[in-house]
């Protein structure tokens, strides 16, 4: 006999874990403030603000954003606090982060 368990509102992942999100904060993306919640990746914060692309390719300048969402593809690279090549899908957003669109390899104008 198969028993089907009825789902209730209390059986959400957050309720099961006892999670209580902390207060929101702001990061800056390309010079404008973006609201963030604790525990979200930079990619999730940008998605929640309707930003779908934040990098251009080296050769043709084509737009890129998150593709795989697990850090394998490197399509989601951004510059965070002046450091290029950060994977937005893996890096948690932190209060005060300054995130900018990464063009090409992100090293244009930097001393090598």
Protein backbone atom coordinates (compact mmCIF):
# COMPACT_ATOMS: atom_id res chain seq x y z
CA UNK A 1 0.00 0.00 0.00
CA UNK A 2 1.35 3.42 -0.99
CA UNK A 3 0.88 6.14 1.56
CA UNK A 4 0.60 9.69 0.23
CA UNK A 5 1.65 12.38 2.63
CA UNK A 6 -0.25 15.64 2.46
CA UNK A 7 1.98 18.70 2.27
CA UNK A 8 1.40 21.56 4.63
CA UNK A 9 2.72 25.09 4.69
CA UNK A 10 5.05 24.18 7.57
CA UNK A 11 6.91 21.65 5.39
CA UNK A 12 8.80 24.23 3.33
CA UNK A 13 12.59 23.92 3.24
CA UNK A 14 12.97 27.15 5.22
CA UNK A 15 10.54 25.93 7.88
CA UNK A 16 12.22 22.54 8.08
CA UNK A 17 15.64 24.11 8.54
CA UNK A 18 14.37 26.76 10.91
CA UNK A 19 15.79 29.40 8.58
CA UNK A 20 15.07 33.01 9.30
CA UNK A 21 16.59 35.33 6.71
CA UNK A 22 18.52 38.26 8.05
CA UNK A 23 17.94 41.83 6.96
CA UNK A 24 18.49 42.77 3.35
CA UNK A 25 21.36 44.94 2.20
CA UNK A 26 22.60 46.67 -0.94
CA UNK A 27 25.30 45.92 -3.44
CA UNK A 28 26.18 48.11 -6.40
CA UNK A 29 25.95 46.83 -9.96
CA UNK A 30 27.39 49.04 -12.70
CA UNK A 31 26.95 52.09 -10.49
CA UNK A 32 23.40 51.53 -9.30
CA UNK A 33 22.16 50.05 -6.03
CA UNK A 34 20.64 46.57 -6.05
CA UNK A 35 18.78 45.04 -3.09
CA UNK A 36 20.18 41.71 -1.86
CA UNK A 37 19.17 39.12 0.70
CA UNK A 38 21.64 37.20 2.86
CA UNK A 39 22.78 33.89 1.45
CA UNK A 40 22.10 34.71 -2.19
CA UNK A 41 24.79 34.47 -4.81
CA UNK A 42 25.61 37.54 -6.88
CA UNK A 43 23.90 35.83 -9.84
CA UNK A 44 20.70 35.33 -7.81
CA UNK A 45 20.76 38.95 -6.67
CA UNK A 46 21.18 40.17 -10.25
CA UNK A 47 18.43 37.84 -11.50
CA UNK A 48 16.07 39.12 -8.82
CA UNK A 49 16.71 42.63 -10.18
CA UNK A 50 15.93 41.45 -13.77
CA UNK A 51 19.59 41.60 -14.84
CA UNK A 52 20.24 38.62 -17.12
CA UNK A 53 23.66 39.45 -18.59
CA UNK A 54 26.78 40.83 -16.92
CA UNK A 55 29.70 39.81 -19.13
CA UNK A 56 30.71 40.15 -22.76
CA UNK A 57 32.84 37.70 -24.71
CA UNK A 58 36.43 38.53 -25.68
CA UNK A 59 36.08 38.11 -29.43
CA UNK A 60 32.67 39.41 -30.48
CA UNK A 61 31.44 41.19 -27.34
CA UNK A 62 28.41 38.92 -27.04
CA UNK A 63 26.41 39.12 -23.79
CA UNK A 64 26.66 36.34 -21.22
CA UNK A 65 25.14 35.64 -17.82
CA UNK A 66 24.63 32.52 -15.76
CA UNK A 67 24.47 29.36 -17.85
CA UNK A 68 25.15 26.30 -15.71
CA UNK A 69 24.65 27.84 -12.27
CA UNK A 70 27.22 25.52 -10.64
CA UNK A 71 30.55 27.14 -11.51
CA UNK A 72 31.54 24.88 -14.40
CA UNK A 73 31.05 27.04 -17.47
CA UNK A 74 32.59 30.44 -16.54
CA UNK A 75 29.87 32.34 -18.43
CA UNK A 76 28.86 34.26 -15.29
CA UNK A 77 32.16 36.07 -14.69
CA UNK A 78 31.95 39.53 -13.12
CA UNK A 79 34.34 41.99 -11.57
CA UNK A 80 33.75 42.20 -7.81
CA UNK A 81 35.40 44.96 -5.77
CA UNK A 82 37.91 45.51 -8.58
CA UNK A 83 38.87 41.83 -8.94
CA UNK A 84 37.92 40.37 -12.35
CA UNK A 85 37.02 36.77 -13.07
CA UNK A 86 34.72 36.11 -10.09
CA UNK A 87 31.98 33.54 -10.77
CA UNK A 88 28.68 35.23 -9.92
CA UNK A 89 26.89 31.90 -9.44
CA UNK A 90 29.31 30.80 -6.70
CA UNK A 91 30.17 34.01 -4.86
CA UNK A 92 27.77 35.07 -2.11
CA UNK A 93 26.75 38.71 -2.26
CA UNK A 94 28.10 40.71 0.66
CA UNK A 95 26.99 44.12 1.91
CA UNK A 96 28.71 46.89 0.00
CA UNK A 97 30.03 44.70 -2.85
CA UNK A 98 30.76 46.69 -5.99
CA UNK A 99 29.97 44.47 -8.98
CA UNK A 100 30.64 45.57 -12.54
CA UNK A 101 30.05 44.06 -15.95
CA UNK A 102 33.13 42.21 -17.11
CA UNK A 103 34.22 42.92 -20.66
CA UNK A 104 36.32 40.22 -22.31
CA UNK A 105 38.81 38.71 -19.89
CA UNK A 106 38.32 41.52 -17.38
CA UNK A 107 41.92 42.68 -17.50
CA UNK A 108 41.55 45.65 -19.85
CA UNK A 109 43.19 48.68 -18.29
CA UNK A 110 44.78 46.70 -15.45
CA UNK A 111 48.53 46.56 -14.97
CA UNK A 112 49.68 43.01 -15.59
